[in-house]
Protein backbone atom coordinates (compact mmCIF):
# COMPACT_ATOMS: atom_id res chain seq x y z
CA MET A 1 53.48 -2.11 5.21
CA THR A 2 52.23 -4.27 2.35
CA ILE A 3 48.55 -4.66 1.56
CA THR A 4 47.81 -8.04 0.02
CA HIS A 5 44.87 -9.52 -1.83
CA HIS A 6 44.59 -13.32 -1.93
CA GLY A 7 48.21 -13.57 -0.82
CA ARG A 8 49.57 -11.31 -3.57
CA PRO A 9 50.86 -7.78 -2.88
CA ALA A 10 48.43 -5.05 -3.96
CA THR A 11 50.40 -2.03 -2.76
CA THR A 12 53.15 -1.02 -0.34
CA LEU A 13 52.87 1.92 2.03
CA ARG A 14 55.77 3.47 3.94
CA GLY A 15 56.28 6.26 6.44
CA PRO A 16 53.51 8.80 7.06
CA ARG A 17 51.20 7.24 4.45
CA ALA A 18 51.28 3.93 6.32
CA ASP A 19 50.40 5.71 9.57
CA GLU A 20 47.57 7.59 7.86
CA PHE A 21 46.25 4.34 6.38
CA LEU A 22 46.25 2.57 9.75
CA THR A 23 44.42 5.49 11.38
CA GLU A 24 41.78 5.46 8.66
CA VAL A 25 41.32 1.67 8.85
CA GLU A 26 40.72 1.86 12.60
CA SER A 27 38.05 4.55 12.23
CA GLY A 28 36.15 3.18 9.21
CA ASP A 29 35.26 0.09 7.23
CA PRO A 30 38.61 -1.64 6.58
CA GLN A 31 37.52 -3.21 3.30
CA LEU A 32 36.39 0.09 1.79
CA VAL A 33 39.50 1.88 3.02
CA MET A 34 41.77 -0.77 1.46
CA ALA A 35 39.84 -0.63 -1.81
CA ARG A 36 40.24 3.13 -1.96
CA TRP A 37 43.94 3.08 -1.11
CA THR A 38 44.76 0.36 -3.65
CA GLY A 39 42.78 2.02 -6.45
CA ASN A 40 40.19 -0.74 -6.70
CA TYR A 41 37.25 1.40 -5.64
CA LYS A 42 33.80 2.46 -6.78
CA HIS A 43 32.79 -0.22 -9.21
CA GLY A 44 29.17 0.34 -8.27
CA ASN A 45 28.61 -2.64 -6.00
CA GLU A 46 30.06 -1.33 -2.70
CA ARG A 47 26.85 0.31 -1.51
CA THR A 48 24.71 -2.60 -2.70
CA ALA A 49 26.88 -5.16 -0.94
CA ARG A 50 26.97 -3.16 2.30
CA ASN A 51 23.16 -3.02 2.40
CA HIS A 52 22.66 -6.72 1.66
CA PRO A 53 20.98 -8.53 4.61
CA ARG A 54 23.88 -10.97 4.88
CA ASN A 55 26.36 -8.11 5.47
CA ARG A 56 24.35 -6.07 7.97
CA ARG A 57 25.52 -6.12 11.55
């Protein structure tokens, strides 16, 4: 399984890690899960963006 960002590969997952990733994506916020798994996580704006009125569901 390859995770891409803007059409370019960010990381590749195989075997049990790919299964674990898919399970976590189904149970949580896919964007945050992908950010954490690719190492592009916690730059300080995740919580702010999630609470923005435009992103509330």
